[in-house]
Amino acid sequence: MIKLRKGTQNDLVEMQTLFLDTIHIVCKNDYSEKQREVWSSSVENKARWHSIFENQIVLIAEINTKIVGFITLENHNYIDFLYVHHNFQRKGIASELLVKIEKIALKNNQNQLFADVSITAKSFFISHGFDVVNSQKVIRKNVELTNFKISKNLF
């Protein structure tokens, strides 16, 4: 059974491991090894990772005390992170996290949600009512990554 709870700094290492593994395993069909290396190198930005617990809502999905997914919400309307463990894909975990975040956004009087999502995640978000605003080319360490700006009207 999936348990959702608020994330804390104590979850950071496990979240980062899940982040890295998801990028390298789940996204390998959509991004080259070099692209995945550059994308995953953002884990080295310690200040950014520590700040998510101060500046964002962090929800953790657990099964038997193991973190199997997480989502973060910035400014009550921007999904910054949504990652699910590679061994727990397509089990409804991301959907549960997203539904909970949508409820939190609505409770905070938000009428839209936004995110910048990977090629890999795009179809998931579209299936949950998000629209693609535009395709984006992001340059990190001289490597081009494609992602998508998406939005969803909540009411």
Foldseek 3Di string as FASTA:
>chain_A
DKDKDWDDPVCLVLQLVQVLQCLVPVCPVPDPPVRSVLVSCCNVVVVVSNCQSVFWTKMFIDDPNRTQWIWIGGPLAEIEDTTGHPVCPPVCPSVVRVVVSLVSSVVVVHFKHKYKAAPSCVVVVVVVAKDFPDWDWDAGPNDTGIITIIMHGSD
